[in-house]
């Protein structure tokens, strides 16, 4: 397994990811509480989950990944006990 600092590269911020983070009224609540990161292309979902939970001290409910031109994106949904908005403020996205 990779060292955790090698897996998560940086947060990915766009208008769409900000809406997923906040769970805007136009979306249903299940679409909220998500944050998106660019991760190593070789990282698996369990590795991403372990790295994210250890680094940010939160619990992850689910991870979806997709590979785009700018790298591998991990859409990380946090459990109801944790707020993606609070985490974003903690790491300086806002």
PDB file of N, CA and C in Angstrom:
ATOM      1  N   UNK A   1       0.843  -1.192   0.000  1.00  0.00           N
ATOM      2  CA  UNK A   1       0.000   0.000   0.000  1.00  0.00           C
ATOM      3  C   UNK A   1       0.885   1.250   0.000  1.00  0.00           C
ATOM      4  N   UNK A   2       0.458   2.277  -0.703  1.00  0.00           N
ATOM      5  CA  UNK A   2       1.231   3.517  -0.796  1.00  0.00           C
ATOM      6  C   UNK A   2       1.199   4.293   0.519  1.00  0.00           C
ATOM      7  N   UNK A   3       2.173   5.185   0.665  1.00  0.00           N
ATOM      8  CA  UNK A   3       2.152   6.118   1.791  1.00  0.00           C
ATOM      9  C   UNK A   3       1.024   7.105   1.520  1.00  0.00           C
ATOM     10  N   UNK A   4       0.260   7.441   2.547  1.00  0.00           N
ATOM     11  CA  UNK A   4      -0.933   8.267   2.382  1.00  0.00           C
ATOM     12  C   UNK A   4      -0.682   9.599   1.693  1.00  0.00           C
ATOM     13  N   UNK A   5       0.459  10.230   1.959  1.00  0.00           N
ATOM     14  CA  UNK A   5       0.716  11.528   1.339  1.00  0.00           C
ATOM     15  C   UNK A   5       0.963  11.394  -0.156  1.00  0.00           C
ATOM     16  N   UNK A   6       1.251  10.184  -0.619  1.00  0.00           N
ATOM     17  CA  UNK A   6       1.470   9.958  -2.047  1.00  0.00           C
ATOM     18  C   UNK A   6       0.171   9.772  -2.823  1.00  0.00           C
ATOM     19  N   UNK A   7      -0.932   9.524  -2.127  1.00  0.00           N
ATOM     20  CA  UNK A   7      -2.191   9.190  -2.797  1.00  0.00           C
ATOM     21  C   UNK A   7      -3.011  10.426  -3.135  1.00  0.00           C
ATOM     22  N   UNK A   8      -3.276  11.288  -2.144  1.00  0.00           N
ATOM     23  CA  UNK A   8      -4.095  12.490  -2.351  1.00  0.00           C
ATOM     24  C   UNK A   8      -3.207  13.615  -2.843  1.00  0.00           C
ATOM     25  N   UNK A   9      -3.459  14.106  -4.051  1.00  0.00           N
ATOM     26  CA  UNK A   9      -2.614  15.164  -4.606  1.00  0.00           C
ATOM     27  C   UNK A   9      -3.112  16.548  -4.208  1.00  0.00           C
ATOM     28  N   UNK A  10      -4.366  16.866  -4.544  1.00  0.00           N
ATOM     29  CA  UNK A  10      -4.939  18.160  -4.165  1.00  0.00           C
ATOM     30  C   UNK A  10      -6.445  18.154  -4.386  1.00  0.00           C
ATOM     31  N   UNK A  11      -7.157  19.068  -3.678  1.00  0.00           N
ATOM     32  CA  UNK A  11      -8.607  19.160  -3.893  1.00  0.00           C
ATOM     33  C   UNK A  11      -8.899  19.680  -5.296  1.00  0.00           C
ATOM     34  N   UNK A  12     -10.017  19.278  -5.850  1.00  0.00           N
ATOM     35  CA  UNK A  12     -10.467  19.763  -7.141  1.00  0.00           C
ATOM     36  C   UNK A  12     -11.692  20.627  -6.895  1.00  0.00           C
ATOM     37  N   UNK A  13     -11.603  21.891  -7.288  1.00  0.00           N
ATOM     38  CA  UNK A  13     -12.686  22.840  -7.012  1.00  0.00           C
ATOM     39  C   UNK A  13     -13.239  23.384  -8.327  1.00  0.00           C
ATOM     40  N   UNK A  14     -14.556  23.225  -8.500  1.00  0.00           N
ATOM     41  CA  UNK A  14     -15.279  23.805  -9.633  1.00  0.00           C
ATOM     42  C   UNK A  14     -16.665  24.163  -9.121  1.00  0.00           C
ATOM     43  N   UNK A  15     -17.461  24.796  -9.950  1.00  0.00           N
ATOM     44  CA  UNK A  15     -18.824  25.147  -9.523  1.00  0.00           C
ATOM     45  C   UNK A  15     -19.628  23.887  -9.182  1.00  0.00           C
ATOM     46  N   UNK A  16     -19.459  22.859  -9.986  1.00  0.00           N
ATOM     47  CA  UNK A  16     -20.180  21.606  -9.746  1.00  0.00           C
ATOM     48  C   UNK A  16     -19.744  20.956  -8.431  1.00  0.00           C
ATOM     49  N   UNK A  17     -18.434  20.946  -8.160  1.00  0.00           N
ATOM     50  CA  UNK A  17     -17.969  20.335  -6.914  1.00  0.00           C
ATOM     51  C   UNK A  17     -18.382  21.169  -5.704  1.00  0.00           C
ATOM     52  N   UNK A  18     -18.466  22.471  -5.857  1.00  0.00           N
ATOM     53  CA  UNK A  18     -18.932  23.318  -4.751  1.00  0.00           C
ATOM     54  C   UNK A  18     -20.400  23.026  -4.450  1.00  0.00           C
ATOM     55  N   UNK A  19     -21.219  22.808  -5.481  1.00  0.00           N
ATOM     56  CA  UNK A  19     -22.627  22.455  -5.272  1.00  0.00           C
ATOM     57  C   UNK A  19     -22.758  21.107  -4.570  1.00  0.00           C
ATOM     58  N   UNK A  20     -21.915  20.144  -4.930  1.00  0.00           N
ATOM     59  CA  UNK A  20     -21.944  18.828  -4.286  1.00  0.00           C
ATOM     60  C   UNK A  20     -21.500  18.941  -2.832  1.00  0.00           C
ATOM     61  N   UNK A  21     -20.583  19.842  -2.589  1.00  0.00           N
ATOM     62  CA  UNK A  21     -20.069  20.064  -1.241  1.00  0.00           C
ATOM     63  C   UNK A  21     -21.159  20.608  -0.325  1.00  0.00           C
ATOM     64  N   UNK A  22     -21.911  21.570  -0.837  1.00  0.00           N
ATOM     65  CA  UNK A  22     -22.920  22.249  -0.026  1.00  0.00           C
ATOM     66  C   UNK A  22     -24.271  21.559  -0.039  1.00  0.00           C
ATOM     67  N   UNK A  23     -24.539  20.734  -1.058  1.00  0.00           N
ATOM     68  CA  UNK A  23     -25.864  20.120  -1.175  1.00  0.00           C
ATOM     69  C   UNK A  23     -26.914  21.179  -1.441  1.00  0.00           C
ATOM     70  N   UNK A  24     -26.777  21.901  -2.546  1.00  0.00           N
ATOM     71  CA  UNK A  24     -27.671  23.013  -2.866  1.00  0.00           C
ATOM     72  C   UNK A  24     -29.127  22.569  -2.911  1.00  0.00           C
ATOM     73  N   UNK A  25     -30.069  23.490  -2.686  1.00  0.00           N
ATOM     74  CA  UNK A  25     -31.495  23.143  -2.680  1.00  0.00           C
ATOM     75  C   UNK A  25     -31.985  22.528  -3.993  1.00  0.00           C
ATOM     76  N   UNK A  26     -31.297  22.784  -5.091  1.00  0.00           N
ATOM     77  CA  UNK A  26     -31.709  22.223  -6.372  1.00  0.00           C
ATOM     78  C   UNK A  26     -31.445  20.725  -6.434  1.00  0.00           C
ATOM     79  N   UNK A  27     -30.562  20.253  -5.586  1.00  0.00           N
ATOM     80  CA  UNK A  27     -30.243  18.831  -5.560  1.00  0.00           C
ATOM     81  C   UNK A  27     -30.956  18.178  -4.392  1.00  0.00           C
ATOM     82  N   UNK A  28     -31.133  16.871  -4.476  1.00  0.00           N
ATOM     83  CA  UNK A  28     -31.657  16.212  -3.286  1.00  0.00           C
ATOM     84  C   UNK A  28     -30.514  16.028  -2.291  1.00  0.00           C
ATOM     85  N   UNK A  29     -30.837  15.809  -1.048  1.00  0.00           N
ATOM     86  CA  UNK A  29     -29.826  15.779   0.011  1.00  0.00           C
ATOM     87  C   UNK A  29     -28.783  14.699  -0.173  1.00  0.00           C
ATOM     88  N   UNK A  30     -29.108  13.630  -0.883  1.00  0.00           N
ATOM     89  CA  UNK A  30     -28.130  12.557  -1.062  1.00  0.00           C
ATOM     90  C   UNK A  30     -26.977  12.993  -1.958  1.00  0.00           C
ATOM     91  N   UNK A  31     -27.151  14.079  -2.702  1.00  0.00           N
ATOM     92  CA  UNK A  31     -26.069  14.556  -3.560  1.00  0.00           C
ATOM     93  C   UNK A  31     -25.078  15.436  -2.823  1.00  0.00           C
ATOM     94  N   UNK A  32     -25.398  15.829  -1.607  1.00  0.00           N
ATOM     95  CA  UNK A  32     -24.508  16.716  -0.870  1.00  0.00           C
ATOM     96  C   UNK A  32     -23.451  15.961  -0.092  1.00  0.00           C
ATOM     97  N   UNK A  33     -22.673  16.709   0.665  1.00  0.00           N
ATOM     98  CA  UNK A  33     -21.657  16.178   1.569  1.00  0.00           C
ATOM     99  C   UNK A  33     -20.567  15.401   0.830  1.00  0.00           C
ATOM    100  N   UNK A  34     -20.196  15.897  -0.341  1.00  0.00           N
ATOM    101  CA  UNK A  34     -19.130  15.278  -1.137  1.00  0.00           C
ATOM    102  C   UNK A  34     -18.012  16.283  -1.365  1.00  0.00           C
ATOM    103  N   UNK A  35     -16.811  15.770  -1.479  1.00  0.00           N
ATOM    104  CA  UNK A  35     -15.658  16.596  -1.799  1.00  0.00           C
ATOM    105  C   UNK A  35     -14.852  15.849  -2.851  1.00  0.00           C
ATOM    106  N   UNK A  36     -14.216  16.570  -3.751  1.00  0.00           N
ATOM    107  CA  UNK A  36     -13.504  15.929  -4.854  1.00  0.00           C
ATOM    108  C   UNK A  36     -12.013  16.221  -4.761  1.00  0.00           C
ATOM    109  N   UNK A  37     -11.200  15.198  -4.981  1.00  0.00           N
ATOM    110  CA  UNK A  37      -9.745  15.317  -4.953  1.00  0.00           C
ATOM    111  C   UNK A  37      -9.153  14.708  -6.216  1.00  0.00           C
ATOM    112  N   UNK A  38      -8.023  15.253  -6.646  1.00  0.00           N
ATOM    113  CA  UNK A  38      -7.211  14.611  -7.669  1.00  0.00           C
ATOM    114  C   UNK A  38      -6.293  13.654  -6.907  1.00  0.00           C
ATOM    115  N   UNK A  39      -6.237  12.413  -7.366  1.00  0.00           N
ATOM    116  CA  UNK A  39      -5.449  11.386  -6.681  1.00  0.00           C
ATOM    117  C   UNK A  39      -4.496  10.722  -7.672  1.00  0.00           C
ATOM    118  N   UNK A  40      -3.557   9.951  -7.142  1.00  0.00           N
ATOM    119  CA  UNK A  40      -2.649   9.185  -8.001  1.00  0.00           C
ATOM    120  C   UNK A  40      -3.458   8.239  -8.881  1.00  0.00           C
ATOM    121  N   UNK A  41      -3.047   8.124 -10.110  1.00  0.00           N
ATOM    122  CA  UNK A  41      -3.756   7.285 -11.073  1.00  0.00           C
ATOM    123  C   UNK A  41      -3.752   5.811 -10.664  1.00  0.00           C
ATOM    124  N   UNK A  42      -2.736   5.385  -9.956  1.00  0.00           N
ATOM    125  CA  UNK A  42      -2.605   3.976  -9.573  1.00  0.00           C
ATOM    126  C   UNK A  42      -3.300   3.643  -8.259  1.00  0.00           C
ATOM    127  N   UNK A  43      -3.850   4.645  -7.571  1.00  0.00           N
ATOM    128  CA  UNK A  43      -4.475   4.420  -6.256  1.00  0.00           C
ATOM    129  C   UNK A  43      -5.822   3.716  -6.398  1.00  0.00           C
ATOM    130  N   UNK A  44      -6.063   2.739  -5.536  1.00  0.00           N
ATOM    131  CA  UNK A  44      -7.346   2.033  -5.528  1.00  0.00           C
ATOM    132  C   UNK A  44      -8.318   2.750  -4.578  1.00  0.00           C
ATOM    133  N   UNK A  45      -9.599   2.408  -4.677  1.00  0.00           N
ATOM    134  CA  UNK A  45     -10.596   3.015  -3.792  1.00  0.00           C
ATOM    135  C   UNK A  45     -10.294   2.756  -2.316  1.00  0.00           C
ATOM    136  N   UNK A  46      -9.938   1.521  -1.919  1.00  0.00           N
ATOM    137  CA  UNK A  46      -9.606   1.301  -0.499  1.00  0.00           C
ATOM    138  C   UNK A  46      -8.395   2.131  -0.036  1.00  0.00           C
ATOM    139  N   UNK A  47      -7.405   2.301  -0.901  1.00  0.00           N
ATOM    140  CA  UNK A  47      -6.243   3.121  -0.552  1.00  0.00           C
ATOM    141  C   UNK A  47      -6.636   4.585  -0.388  1.00  0.00           C
ATOM    142  N   UNK A  48      -7.480   5.083  -1.297  1.00  0.00           N
ATOM    143  CA  UNK A  48      -7.942   6.474  -1.219  1.00  0.00           C
ATOM    144  C   UNK A  48      -8.732   6.679   0.064  1.00  0.00           C
ATOM    145  N   UNK A  49      -9.629   5.747   0.374  1.00  0.00           N
ATOM    146  CA  UNK A  49     -10.450   5.848   1.583  1.00  0.00           C
ATOM    147  C   UNK A  49      -9.580   5.863   2.831  1.00  0.00           C
ATOM    148  N   UNK A  50      -8.629   4.950   2.923  1.00  0.00           N
ATOM    149  CA  UNK A  50      -7.749   4.875   4.098  1.00  0.00           C
ATOM    150  C   UNK A  50      -6.926   6.152   4.251  1.00  0.00           C
ATOM    151  N   UNK A  51      -6.388   6.650   3.146  1.00  0.00           N
ATOM    152  CA  UNK A  51      -5.571   7.861   3.188  1.00  0.00           C
ATOM    153  C   UNK A  51      -6.408   9.061   3.616  1.00  0.00           C
ATOM    154  N   UNK A  52      -7.598   9.187   3.054  1.00  0.00           N
ATOM    155  CA  UNK A  52      -8.464  10.323   3.349  1.00  0.00           C
ATOM    156  C   UNK A  52      -8.909  10.310   4.807  1.00  0.00           C
ATOM    157  N   UNK A  53      -9.340   9.139   5.288  1.00  0.00           N
ATOM    158  CA  UNK A  53      -9.797   9.033   6.678  1.00  0.00           C
ATOM    159  C   UNK A  53      -8.663   9.316   7.661  1.00  0.00           C
ATOM    160  N   UNK A  54      -7.470   8.830   7.353  1.00  0.00           N
ATOM    161  CA  UNK A  54      -6.337   9.052   8.253  1.00  0.00           C
ATOM    162  C   UNK A  54      -5.892  10.513   8.242  1.00  0.00           C
ATOM    163  N   UNK A  55      -5.801  11.095   7.067  1.00  0.00           N
ATOM    164  CA  UNK A  55      -5.289  12.462   6.941  1.00  0.00           C
ATOM    165  C   UNK A  55      -6.249  13.497   7.521  1.00  0.00           C
ATOM    166  N   UNK A  56      -7.549  13.357   7.259  1.00  0.00           N
ATOM    167  CA  UNK A  56      -8.519  14.376   7.663  1.00  0.00           C
ATOM    168  C   UNK A  56      -9.365  13.995   8.876  1.00  0.00           C
ATOM    169  N   UNK A  57      -9.165  12.790   9.401  1.00  0.00           N
ATOM    170  CA  UNK A  57      -9.882  12.322  10.594  1.00  0.00           C
ATOM    171  C   UNK A  57     -11.397  12.410  10.432  1.00  0.00           C
ATOM    172  N   UNK A  58     -11.883  11.897   9.310  1.00  0.00           N
ATOM    173  CA  UNK A  58     -13.317  11.821   9.022  1.00  0.00           C
ATOM    174  C   UNK A  58     -13.630  10.400   8.565  1.00  0.00           C
ATOM    175  N   UNK A  59     -14.908  10.066   8.478  1.00  0.00           N
ATOM    176  CA  UNK A  59     -15.333   8.754   7.978  1.00  0.00           C
ATOM    177  C   UNK A  59     -15.912   8.907   6.575  1.00  0.00           C
ATOM    178  N   UNK A  60     -15.492   8.050   5.684  1.00  0.00           N
ATOM    179  CA  UNK A  60     -15.935   8.069   4.292  1.00  0.00           C
ATOM    180  C   UNK A  60     -17.018   7.017   4.090  1.00  0.00           C
ATOM    181  N   UNK A  61     -18.123   7.437   3.477  1.00  0.00           N
ATOM    182  CA  UNK A  61     -19.219   6.505   3.183  1.00  0.00           C
ATOM    183  C   UNK A  61     -18.973   5.772   1.874  1.00  0.00           C
ATOM    184  N   UNK A  62     -18.542   6.527   0.843  1.00  0.00           N
ATOM    185  CA  UNK A  62     -18.432   5.959  -0.497  1.00  0.00           C
ATOM    186  C   UNK A  62     -17.445   6.768  -1.327  1.00  0.00           C
ATOM    187  N   UNK A  63     -16.793   6.108  -2.269  1.00  0.00           N
ATOM    188  CA  UNK A  63     -15.873   6.786  -3.179  1.00  0.00           C
ATOM    189  C   UNK A  63     -16.196   6.374  -4.604  1.00  0.00           C
ATOM    190  N   UNK A  64     -16.304   7.357  -5.464  1.00  0.00           N
ATOM    191  CA  UNK A  64     -16.425   7.115  -6.904  1.00  0.00           C
ATOM    192  C   UNK A  64     -15.178   7.709  -7.547  1.00  0.00           C
ATOM    193  N   UNK A  65     -14.669   7.065  -8.581  1.00  0.00           N
ATOM    194  CA  UNK A  65     -13.493   7.603  -9.272  1.00  0.00           C
ATOM    195  C   UNK A  65     -13.780   7.704 -10.758  1.00  0.00           C
ATOM    196  N   UNK A  66     -13.059   8.603 -11.390  1.00  0.00           N
ATOM    197  CA  UNK A  66     -13.111   8.734 -12.848  1.00  0.00           C
ATOM    198  C   UNK A  66     -11.773   9.283 -13.307  1.00  0.00           C
ATOM    199  N   UNK A  67     -11.377   8.883 -14.489  1.00  0.00           N
ATOM    200  CA  UNK A  67     -10.104   9.347 -15.022  1.00  0.00           C
ATOM    201  C   UNK A  67     -10.383  10.325 -16.157  1.00  0.00           C
ATOM    202  N   UNK A  68      -9.849  11.528 -15.998  1.00  0.00           N
ATOM    203  CA  UNK A  68      -9.997  12.591 -16.993  1.00  0.00           C
ATOM    204  C   UNK A  68      -8.617  13.010 -17.479  1.00  0.00           C
ATOM    205  N   UNK A  69      -8.572  13.969 -18.390  1.00  0.00           N
ATOM    206  CA  UNK A  69      -7.292  14.430 -18.925  1.00  0.00           C
ATOM    207  C   UNK A  69      -6.351  14.962 -17.844  1.00  0.00           C
ATOM    208  N   UNK A  70      -6.925  15.631 -16.841  1.00  0.00           N
ATOM    209  CA  UNK A  70      -6.080  16.235 -15.805  1.00  0.00           C
ATOM    210  C   UNK A  70      -5.752  15.274 -14.661  1.00  0.00           C
ATOM    211  N   UNK A  71      -6.151  14.007 -14.773  1.00  0.00           N
ATOM    212  CA  UNK A  71      -5.790  13.024 -13.756  1.00  0.00           C
ATOM    213  C   UNK A  71      -6.989  12.245 -13.262  1.00  0.00           C
ATOM    214  N   UNK A  72      -6.750  11.456 -12.230  1.00  0.00           N
ATOM    215  CA  UNK A  72      -7.801  10.630 -11.638  1.00  0.00           C
ATOM    216  C   UNK A  72      -8.513  11.432 -10.561  1.00  0.00           C
ATOM    217  N   UNK A  73      -9.832  11.531 -10.669  1.00  0.00           N
ATOM    218  CA  UNK A  73     -10.654  12.269  -9.717  1.00  0.00           C
ATOM    219  C   UNK A  73     -11.329  11.282  -8.776  1.00  0.00           C
ATOM    220  N   UNK A  74     -11.288  11.581  -7.493  1.00  0.00           N
ATOM    221  CA  UNK A  74     -12.009  10.779  -6.504  1.00  0.00           C
ATOM    222  C   UNK A  74     -13.097  11.656  -5.907  1.00  0.00           C
ATOM    223  N   UNK A  75     -14.350  11.254  -6.065  1.00  0.00           N
ATOM    224  CA  UNK A  75     -15.477  11.960  -5.459  1.00  0.00           C
ATOM    225  C   UNK A  75     -15.765  11.225  -4.155  1.00  0.00           C
ATOM    226  N   UNK A  76     -15.510  11.909  -3.048  1.00  0.00           N
ATOM    227  CA  UNK A  76     -15.546  11.281  -1.730  1.00  0.00           C
ATOM    228  C   UNK A  76     -16.780  11.754  -0.979  1.00  0.00           C
ATOM    229  N   UNK A  77     -17.684  10.818  -0.673  1.00  0.00           N
ATOM    230  CA  UNK A  77     -18.893  11.129   0.089  1.00  0.00           C
ATOM    231  C   UNK A  77     -18.627  10.797   1.547  1.00  0.00           C
ATOM    232  N   UNK A  78     -18.814  11.790   2.405  1.00  0.00           N
ATOM    233  CA  UNK A  78     -18.597  11.600   3.835  1.00  0.00           C
ATOM    234  C   UNK A  78     -19.857  11.072   4.503  1.00  0.00           C
ATOM    235  N   UNK A  79     -19.689  10.429   5.656  1.00  0.00           N
ATOM    236  CA  UNK A  79     -20.842   9.954   6.418  1.00  0.00           C
ATOM    237  C   UNK A  79     -21.599  11.149   6.978  1.00  0.00           C
ATOM    238  N   UNK A  80     -22.825  10.914   7.459  1.00  0.00           N
ATOM    239  CA  UNK A  80     -23.655  11.997   8.002  1.00  0.00           C
ATOM    240  C   UNK A  80     -23.040  12.624   9.246  1.00  0.00           C
ATOM    241  N   UNK A  81     -22.133  11.907   9.909  1.00  0.00           N
ATOM    242  CA  UNK A  81     -21.488  12.424  11.122  1.00  0.00           C
ATOM    243  C   UNK A  81     -20.473  13.525  10.822  1.00  0.00           C
ATOM    244  N   UNK A  82     -20.066  13.638   9.553  1.00  0.00           N
ATOM    245  CA  UNK A  82     -19.034  14.608   9.181  1.00  0.00           C
ATOM    246  C   UNK A  82     -19.548  15.509   8.070  1.00  0.00           C
ATOM    247  N   UNK A  83     -19.078  16.749   8.059  1.00  0.00           N
ATOM    248  CA  UNK A  83     -19.532  17.728   7.076  1.00  0.00           C
ATOM    249  C   UNK A  83     -18.423  18.046   6.078  1.00  0.00           C
ATOM    250  N   UNK A  84     -18.722  17.872   4.790  1.00  0.00           N
ATOM    251  CA  UNK A  84     -17.761  18.202   3.741  1.00  0.00           C
ATOM    252  C   UNK A  84     -17.495  19.703   3.730  1.00  0.00           C
ATOM    253  N   UNK A  85     -18.514  20.489   4.069  1.00  0.00           N
ATOM    254  CA  UNK A  85     -18.346  21.945   4.116  1.00  0.00           C
ATOM    255  C   UNK A  85     -17.342  22.340   5.207  1.00  0.00           C
ATOM    256  N   UNK A  86     -17.462  21.726   6.386  1.00  0.00           N
ATOM    257  CA  UNK A  86     -16.501  22.004   7.470  1.00  0.00           C
ATOM    258  C   UNK A  86     -15.101  21.581   7.074  1.00  0.00           C
ATOM    259  N   UNK A  87     -14.985  20.423   6.431  1.00  0.00           N
ATOM    260  CA  UNK A  87     -13.675  19.944   6.002  1.00  0.00           C
ATOM    261  C   UNK A  87     -13.073  20.905   4.962  1.00  0.00           C
ATOM    262  N   UNK A  88     -13.888  21.393   4.041  1.00  0.00           N
ATOM    263  CA  UNK A  88     -13.414  22.332   3.022  1.00  0.00           C
ATOM    264  C   UNK A  88     -12.887  23.606   3.657  1.00  0.00           C
ATOM    265  N   UNK A  89     -13.563  24.085   4.693  1.00  0.00           N
ATOM    266  CA  UNK A  89     -13.088  25.282   5.394  1.00  0.00           C
ATOM    267  C   UNK A  89     -11.779  24.986   6.118  1.00  0.00           C
ATOM    268  N   UNK A  90     -11.670  23.799   6.687  1.00  0.00           N
ATOM    269  CA  UNK A  90     -10.465  23.399   7.410  1.00  0.00           C
ATOM    270  C   UNK A  90      -9.241  23.350   6.495  1.00  0.00           C
ATOM    271  N   UNK A  91      -9.423  22.870   5.265  1.00  0.00           N
ATOM    272  CA  UNK A  91      -8.281  22.747   4.363  1.00  0.00           C
ATOM    273  C   UNK A  91      -8.120  23.948   3.427  1.00  0.00           C
ATOM    274  N   UNK A  92      -8.990  24.964   3.572  1.00  0.00           N
ATOM    275  CA  UNK A  92      -8.788  26.220   2.864  1.00  0.00           C
ATOM    276  C   UNK A  92      -9.421  26.326   1.495  1.00  0.00           C
ATOM    277  N   UNK A  93     -10.458  25.538   1.212  1.00  0.00           N
ATOM    278  CA  UNK A  93     -11.137  25.661  -0.090  1.00  0.00           C
ATOM    279  C   UNK A  93     -11.991  26.914  -0.121  1.00  0.00           C
ATOM    280  N   UNK A  94     -12.600  27.287   1.014  1.00  0.00           N
ATOM    281  CA  UNK A  94     -13.421  28.500   1.090  1.00  0.00           C
ATOM    282  C   UNK A  94     -12.547  29.677   1.418  1.00  0.00           C
TER     283      UNK A  94
END
